[in-house]
C-alpha atoms as a PDB file:
ATOM      1  CA  MET A   1       0.063   0.013   0.024  1.00  0.00           C
ATOM      2  CA  ALA A   2       2.760   2.405   0.913  1.00  0.00           C
ATOM      3  CA  SER A   3       5.366   3.835  -1.481  1.00  0.00           C
ATOM      4  CA  ASN A   4       8.182   3.425   1.077  1.00  0.00           C
ATOM      5  CA  LYS A   5      10.519   0.619   0.241  1.00  0.00           C
ATOM      6  CA  ASN A   6      10.312  -0.837   3.813  1.00  0.00           C
ATOM      7  CA  PRO A   7       6.970   0.114   5.369  1.00  0.00           C
ATOM      8  CA  LYS A   8       5.912  -1.395   8.563  1.00  0.00           C
ATOM      9  CA  LYS A   9       2.650  -3.312   8.910  1.00  0.00           C
ATOM     10  CA  ILE A  10      -0.046  -1.967  11.175  1.00  0.00           C
ATOM     11  CA  ASN A  11      -3.671  -2.356  11.940  1.00  0.00           C
ATOM     12  CA  LEU A  12      -5.850   0.687  12.701  1.00  0.00           C
ATOM     13  CA  ALA A  13      -8.662   0.903  15.125  1.00  0.00           C
ATOM     14  CA  LEU A  14     -10.875   3.956  14.491  1.00  0.00           C
ATOM     15  CA  GLN A  15     -13.328   5.533  16.988  1.00  0.00           C
ATOM     16  CA  GLY A  16     -16.524   7.180  16.216  1.00  0.00           C
ATOM     17  CA  GLY A  17     -17.494  10.573  17.478  1.00  0.00           C
ATOM     18  CA  GLY A  18     -19.682  12.575  15.028  1.00  0.00           C
ATOM     19  CA  ALA A  19     -17.938  15.519  13.449  1.00  0.00           C
ATOM     20  CA  HIS A  20     -14.823  14.795  15.559  1.00  0.00           C
ATOM     21  CA  GLY A  21     -14.285  11.927  13.171  1.00  0.00           C
ATOM     22  CA  ALA A  22     -12.675  14.593  10.973  1.00  0.00           C
ATOM     23  CA  PHE A  23      -9.648  14.366  13.401  1.00  0.00           C
ATOM     24  CA  THR A  24      -9.361  10.773  12.322  1.00  0.00           C
ATOM     25  CA  TRP A  25      -9.704  11.727   8.681  1.00  0.00           C
ATOM     26  CA  GLY A  26      -6.575  14.021   9.204  1.00  0.00           C
ATOM     27  CA  VAL A  27      -4.584  11.236  10.937  1.00  0.00           C
ATOM     28  CA  LEU A  28      -5.428   8.830   8.046  1.00  0.00           C
ATOM     29  CA  ASP A  29      -4.586  11.408   5.505  1.00  0.00           C
ATOM     30  CA  LYS A  30      -1.121  11.887   7.036  1.00  0.00           C
ATOM     31  CA  ILE A  31      -0.498   8.078   7.350  1.00  0.00           C
ATOM     32  CA  LEU A  32      -1.379   7.758   3.756  1.00  0.00           C
ATOM     33  CA  GLU A  33       0.778  10.524   2.620  1.00  0.00           C
ATOM     34  CA  ASP A  34       3.733   9.577   4.796  1.00  0.00           C
ATOM     35  CA  GLY A  35       4.033   6.005   3.417  1.00  0.00           C
ATOM     36  CA  ARG A  36       5.905   4.434   6.192  1.00  0.00           C
ATOM     37  CA  LEU A  37       2.962   2.557   7.558  1.00  0.00           C
ATOM     38  CA  ASP A  38       1.279  -0.263   5.561  1.00  0.00           C
ATOM     39  CA  ILE A  39      -2.293  -0.806   6.689  1.00  0.00           C
ATOM     40  CA  GLU A  40      -3.279  -4.409   6.984  1.00  0.00           C
ATOM     41  CA  GLY A  41      -6.671  -4.082   8.822  1.00  0.00           C
ATOM     42  CA  LEU A  42      -9.185  -1.374   9.624  1.00  0.00           C
ATOM     43  CA  SER A  43     -11.726  -1.683  12.272  1.00  0.00           C
ATOM     44  CA  GLY A  44     -14.177   1.167  12.812  1.00  0.00           C
ATOM     45  CA  THR A  45     -17.259   2.306  14.508  1.00  0.00           C
ATOM     46  CA  SER A  46     -19.658   5.057  13.328  1.00  0.00           C
ATOM     47  CA  ALA A  47     -17.494   7.902  11.948  1.00  0.00           C
ATOM     48  CA  GLY A  48     -14.448   5.593  12.258  1.00  0.00           C
ATOM     49  CA  ALA A  49     -16.282   2.995  10.130  1.00  0.00           C
ATOM     50  CA  ILE A  50     -17.157   5.763   7.607  1.00  0.00           C
ATOM     51  CA  ASN A  51     -13.588   6.743   7.289  1.00  0.00           C
ATOM     52  CA  ALA A  52     -12.381   3.071   6.889  1.00  0.00           C
ATOM     53  CA  VAL A  53     -15.032   2.273   4.138  1.00  0.00           C
ATOM     54  CA  VAL A  54     -14.312   5.537   2.237  1.00  0.00           C
ATOM     55  CA  ILE A  55     -10.573   4.763   2.191  1.00  0.00           C
ATOM     56  CA  ALA A  56     -11.309   1.289   0.733  1.00  0.00           C
ATOM     57  CA  ASP A  57     -13.475   2.819  -1.991  1.00  0.00           C
ATOM     58  CA  GLY A  58     -10.889   5.493  -2.903  1.00  0.00           C
ATOM     59  CA  TYR A  59      -7.915   3.087  -2.738  1.00  0.00           C
ATOM     60  CA  THR A  60      -9.505   0.696  -5.132  1.00  0.00           C
ATOM     61  CA  LYS A  61     -10.017   3.535  -7.631  1.00  0.00           C
ATOM     62  CA  ASN A  62      -6.583   5.172  -7.539  1.00  0.00           C
ATOM     63  CA  GLY A  63      -4.381   3.878  -4.713  1.00  0.00           C
ATOM     64  CA  VAL A  64      -3.117   6.190  -1.900  1.00  0.00           C
ATOM     65  CA  ASP A  65      -4.109   9.294  -3.864  1.00  0.00           C
ATOM     66  CA  GLY A  66      -7.579   7.948  -4.530  1.00  0.00           C
ATOM     67  CA  ALA A  67      -8.034   7.118  -0.784  1.00  0.00           C
ATOM     68  CA  ARG A  68      -7.031  10.670   0.343  1.00  0.00           C
ATOM     69  CA  GLU A  69      -9.184  12.298  -2.320  1.00  0.00           C
ATOM     70  CA  ALA A  70     -12.158  10.031  -1.375  1.00  0.00           C
ATOM     71  CA  LEU A  71     -11.815  11.122   2.194  1.00  0.00           C
ATOM     72  CA  ASP A  72     -11.777  14.907   1.311  1.00  0.00           C
ATOM     73  CA  ASN A  73     -14.768  14.498  -1.006  1.00  0.00           C
ATOM     74  CA  PHE A  74     -16.845  12.578   1.531  1.00  0.00           C
ATOM     75  CA  TRP A  75     -16.408  14.968   4.403  1.00  0.00           C
ATOM     76  CA  THR A  76     -17.090  17.881   2.107  1.00  0.00           C
ATOM     77  CA  LYS A  77     -20.340  16.324   0.988  1.00  0.00           C
ATOM     78  CA  LEU A  78     -21.197  15.564   4.530  1.00  0.00           C
ATOM     79  CA  SER A  79     -20.709  19.288   5.384  1.00  0.00           C
ATOM     80  CA  ASP A  80     -22.972  20.303   2.409  1.00  0.00           C
ATOM     81  CA  LEU A  81     -25.659  17.967   3.672  1.00  0.00           C
ATOM     82  CA  SER A  82     -25.858  19.876   6.925  1.00  0.00           C
ATOM     83  CA  ARG A  83     -25.562  23.404   5.569  1.00  0.00           C
ATOM     84  CA  PHE A  84     -29.324  24.112   5.878  1.00  0.00           C
ATOM     85  CA  SER A  85     -29.743  22.381   9.216  1.00  0.00           C
ATOM     86  CA  PRO A  86     -31.344  24.432  12.036  1.00  0.00           C
ATOM     87  CA  VAL A  87     -28.532  23.340  14.329  1.00  0.00           C
ATOM     88  CA  GLN A  88     -25.953  26.034  13.785  1.00  0.00           C
ATOM     89  CA  ARG A  89     -23.532  28.066  15.718  1.00  0.00           C
ATOM     90  CA  THR A  90     -24.797  31.430  17.158  1.00  0.00           C
ATOM     91  CA  PRO A  91     -23.537  34.711  15.722  1.00  0.00           C
ATOM     92  CA  TRP A  92     -21.643  35.288  18.977  1.00  0.00           C
ATOM     93  CA  ALA A  93     -19.982  31.843  18.760  1.00  0.00           C
ATOM     94  CA  ARG A  94     -18.883  32.619  15.302  1.00  0.00           C
ATOM     95  CA  LEU A  95     -17.446  36.043  16.313  1.00  0.00           C
ATOM     96  CA  SER A  96     -15.564  34.521  19.255  1.00  0.00           C
ATOM     97  CA  ASN A  97     -14.151  31.532  17.367  1.00  0.00           C
ATOM     98  CA  ASP A  98     -16.151  29.145  19.545  1.00  0.00           C
ATOM     99  CA  TRP A  99     -16.916  25.856  17.619  1.00  0.00           C
ATOM    100  CA  SER A 100     -19.560  24.707  20.131  1.00  0.00           C
ATOM    101  CA  LEU A 101     -23.339  24.624  19.643  1.00  0.00           C
ATOM    102  CA  ASP A 102     -23.999  25.056  23.414  1.00  0.00           C
ATOM    103  CA  TYR A 103     -26.200  28.143  23.073  1.00  0.00           C
ATOM    104  CA  SER A 104     -27.652  27.339  19.617  1.00  0.00           C
ATOM    105  CA  PRO A 105     -31.394  27.674  19.687  1.00  0.00           C
ATOM    106  CA  GLY A 106     -31.567  24.958  17.065  1.00  0.00           C
ATOM    107  CA  ARG A 107     -29.533  22.635  19.183  1.00  0.00           C
ATOM    108  CA  MET A 108     -31.652  23.246  22.309  1.00  0.00           C
ATOM    109  CA  MET A 109     -34.773  22.657  20.267  1.00  0.00           C
ATOM    110  CA  PHE A 110     -33.303  19.530  18.844  1.00  0.00           C
ATOM    111  CA  ASP A 111     -32.338  18.104  22.233  1.00  0.00           C
ATOM    112  CA  SER A 112     -35.802  18.818  23.600  1.00  0.00           C
ATOM    113  CA  PHE A 113     -37.467  17.310  20.591  1.00  0.00           C
ATOM    114  CA  THR A 114     -35.496  14.086  20.507  1.00  0.00           C
ATOM    115  CA  GLY A 115     -35.800  13.873  24.347  1.00  0.00           C
ATOM    116  CA  THR A 116     -39.606  13.766  23.941  1.00  0.00           C
ATOM    117  CA  PHE A 117     -40.308  12.053  20.719  1.00  0.00           C
ATOM    118  CA  SER A 118     -38.620   8.868  19.327  1.00  0.00           C
ATOM    119  CA  PRO A 119     -37.520   8.699  15.574  1.00  0.00           C
ATOM    120  CA  TYR A 120     -40.415   6.334  15.100  1.00  0.00           C
ATOM    121  CA  GLU A 121     -42.753   9.208  16.056  1.00  0.00           C
ATOM    122  CA  PHE A 122     -41.174  12.265  14.474  1.00  0.00           C
ATOM    123  CA  ASN A 123     -39.886  10.427  11.327  1.00  0.00           C
ATOM    124  CA  PRO A 124     -42.554   7.668  10.650  1.00  0.00           C
ATOM    125  CA  ILE A 125     -41.479   7.416   6.960  1.00  0.00           C
ATOM    126  CA  ASN A 126     -37.865   6.768   8.034  1.00  0.00           C
ATOM    127  CA  TYR A 127     -36.262   9.402   5.801  1.00  0.00           C
ATOM    128  CA  ASN A 128     -32.597   9.052   6.286  1.00  0.00           C
ATOM    129  CA  PRO A 129     -30.285  11.567   4.440  1.00  0.00           C
ATOM    130  CA  LEU A 130     -27.061   9.984   5.827  1.00  0.00           C
ATOM    131  CA  LEU A 131     -27.995   6.637   4.357  1.00  0.00           C
ATOM    132  CA  ASN A 132     -28.725   8.286   1.074  1.00  0.00           C
ATOM    133  CA  LEU A 133     -25.356  10.003   1.156  1.00  0.00           C
ATOM    134  CA  PHE A 134     -23.630   6.600   1.592  1.00  0.00           C
ATOM    135  CA  LYS A 135     -25.528   5.280  -1.441  1.00  0.00           C
ATOM    136  CA  SER A 136     -24.631   8.174  -3.648  1.00  0.00           C
ATOM    137  CA  GLU A 137     -21.049   8.836  -2.620  1.00  0.00           C
ATOM    138  CA  ILE A 138     -19.582   5.404  -1.867  1.00  0.00           C
ATOM    139  CA  ASP A 139     -19.079   2.667  -4.437  1.00  0.00           C
ATOM    140  CA  PHE A 140     -19.483  -0.483  -2.463  1.00  0.00           C
ATOM    141  CA  ASP A 141     -18.350  -2.650  -5.339  1.00  0.00           C
ATOM    142  CA  HIS A 142     -15.020  -0.985  -4.939  1.00  0.00           C
ATOM    143  CA  VAL A 143     -15.104  -1.575  -1.282  1.00  0.00           C
ATOM    144  CA  HIS A 144     -15.704  -5.270  -1.915  1.00  0.00           C
ATOM    145  CA  GLU A 145     -12.927  -5.377  -4.472  1.00  0.00           C
ATOM    146  CA  CYS A 146     -10.345  -3.825  -2.134  1.00  0.00           C
ATOM    147  CA  LYS A 147      -7.930  -6.540  -1.236  1.00  0.00           C
ATOM    148  CA  ASN A 148      -5.234  -4.271   0.249  1.00  0.00           C
ATOM    149  CA  PHE A 149      -6.517  -4.468   3.811  1.00  0.00           C
ATOM    150  CA  GLU A 150      -9.281  -6.218   5.863  1.00  0.00           C
ATOM    151  CA  LEU A 151     -12.293  -4.091   6.879  1.00  0.00           C
ATOM    152  CA  PHE A 152     -14.407  -4.527   9.965  1.00  0.00           C
ATOM    153  CA  VAL A 153     -17.468  -2.382  10.734  1.00  0.00           C
ATOM    154  CA  CYS A 154     -19.149  -2.566  14.173  1.00  0.00           C
ATOM    155  CA  ALA A 155     -22.738  -2.284  15.099  1.00  0.00           C
ATOM    156  CA  THR A 156     -24.769  -3.177  18.236  1.00  0.00           C
ATOM    157  CA  ASN A 157     -27.560  -5.854  17.976  1.00  0.00           C
ATOM    158  CA  VAL A 158     -30.589  -4.146  19.689  1.00  0.00           C
ATOM    159  CA  ARG A 159     -32.308  -7.369  20.908  1.00  0.00           C
ATOM    160  CA  SER A 160     -29.237  -9.292  22.159  1.00  0.00           C
ATOM    161  CA  GLY A 161     -27.025  -6.321  23.137  1.00  0.00           C
ATOM    162  CA  LYS A 162     -24.159  -8.096  21.430  1.00  0.00           C
ATOM    163  CA  THR A 163     -21.511  -6.741  19.099  1.00  0.00           C
ATOM    164  CA  LYS A 164     -22.029  -7.369  15.352  1.00  0.00           C
ATOM    165  CA  VAL A 165     -19.009  -7.041  13.125  1.00  0.00           C
ATOM    166  CA  PHE A 166     -19.764  -6.651   9.280  1.00  0.00           C
ATOM    167  CA  LYS A 167     -16.850  -7.611   7.027  1.00  0.00           C
ATOM    168  CA  ASN A 168     -15.985  -7.853   3.349  1.00  0.00           C
ATOM    169  CA  GLU A 169     -19.211  -8.534   1.326  1.00  0.00           C
ATOM    170  CA  GLU A 170     -21.413  -7.764   4.324  1.00  0.00           C
ATOM    171  CA  ILE A 171     -20.395  -4.071   4.208  1.00  0.00           C
ATOM    172  CA  ASN A 172     -22.837  -1.960   2.279  1.00  0.00           C
ATOM    173  CA  ALA A 173     -24.709   1.243   2.797  1.00  0.00           C
ATOM    174  CA  THR A 174     -27.165  -0.432   5.237  1.00  0.00           C
ATOM    175  CA  SER A 175     -24.681  -2.094   7.486  1.00  0.00           C
ATOM    176  CA  LEU A 176     -22.506   1.184   7.526  1.00  0.00           C
ATOM    177  CA  MET A 177     -25.649   3.054   8.492  1.00  0.00           C
ATOM    178  CA  ALA A 178     -26.226   0.428  11.246  1.00  0.00           C
ATOM    179  CA  SER A 179     -22.739   1.299  12.717  1.00  0.00           C
ATOM    180  CA  CYS A 180     -23.830   5.113  12.830  1.00  0.00           C
ATOM    181  CA  CYS A 181     -27.374   4.567  14.066  1.00  0.00           C
ATOM    182  CA  LEU A 182     -27.923   6.734  17.117  1.00  0.00           C
ATOM    183  CA  PRO A 183     -31.203   5.631  18.592  1.00  0.00           C
ATOM    184  CA  GLU A 184     -32.413   9.106  19.591  1.00  0.00           C
ATOM    185  CA  ILE A 185     -32.040  10.217  15.916  1.00  0.00           C
ATOM    186  CA  TYR A 186     -32.634   7.263  13.622  1.00  0.00           C
ATOM    187  CA  GLN A 187     -34.862   4.255  13.589  1.00  0.00           C
ATOM    188  CA  ALA A 188     -33.055   0.919  14.197  1.00  0.00           C
ATOM    189  CA  VAL A 189     -31.508  -0.415  11.010  1.00  0.00           C
ATOM    190  CA  GLU A 190     -32.974  -3.839  10.122  1.00  0.00           C
ATOM    191  CA  ILE A 191     -30.613  -6.402   8.430  1.00  0.00           C
ATOM    192  CA  ASP A 192     -31.679 -10.008   7.983  1.00  0.00           C
ATOM    193  CA  GLY A 193     -34.368  -9.844  10.581  1.00  0.00           C
ATOM    194  CA  GLU A 194     -32.161  -8.102  13.224  1.00  0.00           C
ATOM    195  CA  ALA A 195     -32.227  -4.571  14.406  1.00  0.00           C
ATOM    196  CA  TYR A 196     -28.987  -2.581  14.992  1.00  0.00           C
ATOM    197  CA  TRP A 197     -27.849   0.625  16.717  1.00  0.00           C
ATOM    198  CA  ASP A 198     -24.600   2.459  16.763  1.00  0.00           C
ATOM    199  CA  GLY A 199     -21.579   0.211  17.258  1.00  0.00           C
ATOM    200  CA  GLY A 200     -20.191   2.379  19.969  1.00  0.00           C
ATOM    201  CA  PHE A 201     -22.368   0.937  22.576  1.00  0.00           C
ATOM    202  CA  MET A 202     -20.541  -2.398  22.360  1.00  0.00           C
ATOM    203  CA  GLY A 203     -17.211  -1.608  20.630  1.00  0.00           C
ATOM    204  CA  ASN A 204     -15.782   1.845  19.910  1.00  0.00           C
ATOM    205  CA  PRO A 205     -14.055   0.269  18.072  1.00  0.00           C
ATOM    206  CA  PRO A 206     -13.804  -3.486  18.508  1.00  0.00           C
ATOM    207  CA  LEU A 207     -10.108  -4.762  18.552  1.00  0.00           C
ATOM    208  CA  TYR A 208     -10.704  -8.526  18.520  1.00  0.00           C
ATOM    209  CA  PRO A 209     -11.211  -8.808  14.752  1.00  0.00           C
ATOM    210  CA  LEU A 210      -7.795  -7.402  14.144  1.00  0.00           C
ATOM    211  CA  PHE A 211      -6.332 -10.140  16.413  1.00  0.00           C
ATOM    212  CA  TYR A 212      -8.173 -13.018  14.931  1.00  0.00           C
ATOM    213  CA  GLU A 213      -8.205 -12.110  11.173  1.00  0.00           C
ATOM    214  CA  THR A 214      -4.909 -10.476  10.387  1.00  0.00           C
ATOM    215  CA  GLU A 215      -1.312 -11.420  11.055  1.00  0.00           C
ATOM    216  CA  CYS A 216      -0.061  -8.017  12.044  1.00  0.00           C
ATOM    217  CA  GLU A 217       0.671  -7.715  15.881  1.00  0.00           C
ATOM    218  CA  ASP A 218       0.660  -3.869  15.964  1.00  0.00           C
ATOM    219  CA  VAL A 219      -2.608  -2.084  16.575  1.00  0.00           C
ATOM    220  CA  LEU A 220      -2.828   1.662  16.411  1.00  0.00           C
ATOM    221  CA  LEU A 221      -5.837   3.095  18.246  1.00  0.00           C
ATOM    222  CA  ILE A 222      -6.980   6.398  16.876  1.00  0.00           C
ATOM    223  CA  GLU A 223      -8.953   8.028  19.647  1.00  0.00           C
ATOM    224  CA  VAL A 224     -11.655  10.575  19.333  1.00  0.00           C
ATOM    225  CA  ASN A 225     -13.355  10.175  22.730  1.00  0.00           C
ATOM    226  CA  PRO A 226     -10.900  10.709  25.566  1.00  0.00           C
ATOM    227  CA  ILE A 227     -10.545   7.709  28.030  1.00  0.00           C
ATOM    228  CA  GLU A 228      -9.626  10.052  30.899  1.00  0.00           C
ATOM    229  CA  THR A 229     -10.695  13.603  31.843  1.00  0.00           C
ATOM    230  CA  PRO A 230      -8.806  15.973  34.105  1.00  0.00           C
ATOM    231  CA  GLU A 231     -12.042  17.634  35.472  1.00  0.00           C
ATOM    232  CA  ILE A 232     -15.278  16.594  37.035  1.00  0.00           C
ATOM    233  CA  PRO A 233     -18.267  17.531  34.812  1.00  0.00           C
ATOM    234  CA  ARG A 234     -20.724  19.859  36.556  1.00  0.00           C
ATOM    235  CA  SER A 235     -23.087  21.078  33.958  1.00  0.00           C
ATOM    236  CA  VAL A 236     -25.990  18.863  32.648  1.00  0.00           C
ATOM    237  CA  ARG A 237     -24.462  18.791  29.115  1.00  0.00           C
ATOM    238  CA  SER A 238     -20.879  17.954  30.400  1.00  0.00           C
ATOM    239  CA  ILE A 239     -22.271  15.248  32.612  1.00  0.00           C
ATOM    240  CA  HIS A 240     -24.281  13.644  29.746  1.00  0.00           C
ATOM    241  CA  ASN A 241     -21.200  13.824  27.600  1.00  0.00           C
ATOM    242  CA  ARG A 242     -18.942  12.167  30.121  1.00  0.00           C
ATOM    243  CA  LEU A 243     -21.551   9.445  30.617  1.00  0.00           C
ATOM    244  CA  ASN A 244     -21.487   8.859  26.919  1.00  0.00           C
ATOM    245  CA  GLU A 245     -17.639   8.662  26.817  1.00  0.00           C
ATOM    246  CA  ILE A 246     -17.458   6.181  29.668  1.00  0.00           C
ATOM    247  CA  THR A 247     -20.204   3.980  28.060  1.00  0.00           C
ATOM    248  CA  PHE A 248     -18.690   4.088  24.617  1.00  0.00           C
ATOM    249  CA  ASN A 249     -15.195   3.409  25.987  1.00  0.00           C
ATOM    250  CA  ALA A 250     -16.170   0.607  28.342  1.00  0.00           C
ATOM    251  CA  THR A 251     -15.865  -2.361  25.948  1.00  0.00           C
ATOM    252  CA  LEU A 252     -12.661  -0.891  24.547  1.00  0.00           C
ATOM    253  CA  LEU A 253     -11.132  -0.741  28.028  1.00  0.00           C
ATOM    254  CA  ARG A 254     -12.028  -4.386  28.686  1.00  0.00           C
ATOM    255  CA  GLU A 255     -10.384  -5.374  25.466  1.00  0.00           C
ATOM    256  CA  LEU A 256      -7.273  -3.427  26.330  1.00  0.00           C
ATOM    257  CA  ARG A 257      -7.144  -4.989  29.826  1.00  0.00           C
ATOM    258  CA  THR A 258      -7.251  -8.427  28.136  1.00  0.00           C
ATOM    259  CA  VAL A 259      -4.365  -7.450  25.877  1.00  0.00           C
ATOM    260  CA  GLU A 260      -2.359  -6.384  28.807  1.00  0.00           C
ATOM    261  CA  PHE A 261      -3.136  -9.609  30.762  1.00  0.00           C
ATOM    262  CA  VAL A 262      -2.159 -11.888  27.860  1.00  0.00           C
ATOM    263  CA  SER A 263       0.999  -9.815  27.096  1.00  0.00           C
ATOM    264  CA  ARG A 264       2.152 -10.091  30.787  1.00  0.00           C
ATOM    265  CA  LEU A 265       1.651 -13.876  30.771  1.00  0.00           C
ATOM    266  CA  ILE A 266       3.628 -14.184  27.515  1.00  0.00           C
ATOM    267  CA  GLU A 267       6.451 -12.058  29.184  1.00  0.00           C
ATOM    268  CA  GLU A 268       6.395 -14.241  32.214  1.00  0.00           C
ATOM    269  CA  GLY A 269       6.628 -17.505  30.108  1.00  0.00           C
ATOM    270  CA  LYS A 270       3.169 -18.661  31.223  1.00  0.00           C
ATOM    271  CA  LEU A 271       1.812 -18.710  27.654  1.00  0.00           C
ATOM    272  CA  ASP A 272       3.396 -20.011  24.516  1.00  0.00           C
ATOM    273  CA  LYS A 273       4.476 -17.213  22.190  1.00  0.00           C
ATOM    274  CA  LYS A 274       3.875 -19.533  19.241  1.00  0.00           C
ATOM    275  CA  LYS A 275       0.145 -20.010  20.200  1.00  0.00           C
ATOM    276  CA  TYR A 276      -0.741 -16.499  21.367  1.00  0.00           C
ATOM    277  CA  MET A 277      -0.423 -13.242  19.577  1.00  0.00           C
ATOM    278  CA  ASN A 278       1.700 -10.745  21.515  1.00  0.00           C
ATOM    279  CA  VAL A 279      -0.241  -7.582  20.510  1.00  0.00           C
ATOM    280  CA  LYS A 280       1.680  -4.359  20.546  1.00  0.00           C
ATOM    281  CA  MET A 281      -0.700  -1.460  21.349  1.00  0.00           C
ATOM    282  CA  HIS A 282      -0.283   2.190  20.162  1.00  0.00           C
ATOM    283  CA  ALA A 283      -2.609   5.116  20.415  1.00  0.00           C
ATOM    284  CA  ILE A 284      -2.932   8.456  18.885  1.00  0.00           C
ATOM    285  CA  GLU A 285      -4.858  10.518  21.362  1.00  0.00           C
ATOM    286  CA  PRO A 286      -6.974  13.614  20.586  1.00  0.00           C
ATOM    287  CA  ALA A 287      -4.869  16.762  20.370  1.00  0.00           C
ATOM    288  CA  GLN A 288      -5.104  19.132  23.379  1.00  0.00           C
ATOM    289  CA  LYS A 289      -7.032  21.692  21.454  1.00  0.00           C
ATOM    290  CA  MET A 290      -9.580  18.933  20.522  1.00  0.00           C
ATOM    291  CA  GLN A 291      -9.978  17.815  24.243  1.00  0.00           C
ATOM    292  CA  GLU A 292     -10.918  21.409  25.020  1.00  0.00           C
ATOM    293  CA  LEU A 293     -13.815  21.428  22.531  1.00  0.00           C
ATOM    294  CA  SER A 294     -17.390  21.220  23.872  1.00  0.00           C
ATOM    295  CA  SER A 295     -19.196  17.941  23.317  1.00  0.00           C
ATOM    296  CA  SER A 296     -21.880  19.824  21.353  1.00  0.00           C
ATOM    297  CA  SER A 297     -19.266  20.554  18.627  1.00  0.00           C
ATOM    298  CA  LYS A 298     -19.604  16.776  17.661  1.00  0.00           C
ATOM    299  CA  LEU A 299     -22.817  18.093  15.816  1.00  0.00           C
ATOM    300  CA  ASN A 300     -20.913  20.912  14.019  1.00  0.00           C
ATOM    301  CA  MET A 301     -20.573  19.989  10.436  1.00  0.00           C
ATOM    302  CA  GLU A 302     -19.259  23.363   9.120  1.00  0.00           C
ATOM    303  CA  LEU A 303     -16.505  22.667   6.619  1.00  0.00           C
ATOM    304  CA  GLU A 304     -14.211  25.211   8.207  1.00  0.00           C
ATOM    305  CA  PHE A 305     -14.507  23.261  11.495  1.00  0.00           C
ATOM    306  CA  LEU A 306     -14.003  19.895   9.816  1.00  0.00           C
ATOM    307  CA  HIS A 307     -10.821  21.299   8.135  1.00  0.00           C
ATOM    308  CA  TYR A 308      -9.729  22.516  11.475  1.00  0.00           C
ATOM    309  CA  LEU A 309     -10.003  19.051  12.985  1.00  0.00           C
ATOM    310  CA  ARG A 310      -8.405  17.402   9.905  1.00  0.00           C
ATOM    311  CA  ASN A 311      -5.417  19.667  10.309  1.00  0.00           C
ATOM    312  CA  LEU A 312      -5.188  18.846  13.985  1.00  0.00           C
ATOM    313  CA  GLY A 313      -5.236  15.211  13.097  1.00  0.00           C
ATOM    314  CA  ARG A 314      -2.502  15.523  10.474  1.00  0.00           C
ATOM    315  CA  ASP A 315      -0.253  17.444  12.857  1.00  0.00           C
ATOM    316  CA  THR A 316      -0.851  14.969  15.691  1.00  0.00           C
ATOM    317  CA  ALA A 317      -0.191  11.987  13.382  1.00  0.00           C
ATOM    318  CA  SER A 318       3.051  13.592  12.132  1.00  0.00           C
ATOM    319  CA  GLU A 319       4.379  14.100  15.514  1.00  0.00           C
ATOM    320  CA  TRP A 320       3.361  10.504  16.599  1.00  0.00           C
ATOM    321  CA  ILE A 321       5.011   8.844  13.560  1.00  0.00           C
ATOM    322  CA  GLU A 322       8.192  10.773  14.081  1.00  0.00           C
ATOM    323  CA  LYS A 323       8.348   9.730  17.828  1.00  0.00           C
ATOM    324  CA  ASN A 324       7.157   6.108  17.609  1.00  0.00           C
ATOM    325  CA  PHE A 325       7.952   4.720  14.087  1.00  0.00           C
ATOM    326  CA  LYS A 326      11.148   3.032  15.315  1.00  0.00           C
ATOM    327  CA  ASP A 327       9.172   1.031  17.961  1.00  0.00           C
ATOM    328  CA  ILE A 328       6.403  -0.370  15.640  1.00  0.00           C
ATOM    329  CA  GLY A 329       7.029  -4.051  15.291  1.00  0.00           C
ATOM    330  CA  LYS A 330       9.233  -4.081  18.391  1.00  0.00           C
ATOM    331  CA  LYS A 331       7.134  -2.966  21.453  1.00  0.00           C
ATOM    332  CA  SER A 332       3.986  -1.238  22.561  1.00  0.00           C
ATOM    333  CA  THR A 333       4.133   2.533  22.911  1.00  0.00           C
ATOM    334  CA  LEU A 334       0.908   2.547  24.861  1.00  0.00           C
ATOM    335  CA  ASN A 335       1.646   1.576  28.383  1.00  0.00           C
ATOM    336  CA  LEU A 336      -1.339  -0.653  29.278  1.00  0.00           C
ATOM    337  CA  ARG A 337       0.174  -1.763  32.564  1.00  0.00           C
ATOM    338  CA  GLU A 338       0.311   1.761  33.880  1.00  0.00           C
ATOM    339  CA  MET A 339      -3.197   2.471  32.570  1.00  0.00           C
ATOM    340  CA  PHE A 340      -4.782  -0.384  34.687  1.00  0.00           C
ATOM    341  CA  GLU A 341      -2.712  -0.032  37.764  1.00  0.00           C
END
């Protein structure tokens, strides 16, 4: 995949997070441009799943350049889709360079509305512009033809509460929509008699497909939702946002704890290295400027804001690659033992 003569293999795990997925767009754009990392597998949820599928479409068309162009085109189209939405920044927020929608009348009305009525009540015909965008902008035949890396898209089974991972031929506009289906906004997505909601509830993103279905031992987690926060939330919105972050990170943390446990047993000689994969975990965390953003900015689809996040992602990825490239294939750069002490 990469133009570098000796690229290093890596798997990418892409978190979801609404408009903040544009940060991941920037990270991916830099990885593709840099050429020193050769992607073997992509596991994604919600916005992370979108980024993964769009890369596969673009890469099949025209290699690295096609993948980068496809990401740019898709996020631009997504911004166009929301241009006439009533959920917009206030004039004061624009003047003060505040990306949040905290005091947006449209946002307040939207929160009140979705807190009172279900999508089955306010949208009985199930009109879904995001699903229509997938169908018009992504060529899923190209996605299925992409053999350069394995793709895994995560959704949550509504009835069983279990993780559902779609892969290869199972990935289409409907299963991608299932991965993005926030139950307050969209009706559950029906596939083969089962109903699905956003994959973040049970895997944001799932790591295990990368362990079982690829040979690469290095996994790079691209975070959008911070695992830790320095402050105790005190407002209603910040409390709600932190609850969502904890919920959406819970399964991921359990998987990371398992990785740490198995790695420790291998190091202590209690497990056979030949039978168990010694996973090397890495993580690109949200830039500090991104961590300072209000949770409401996840609904801000202005192109200027998406480009701001993309540039943060590119810069963060560039710094991470320069600092950690030498360790890929040799050791973890994410200290899981310290994380779970």
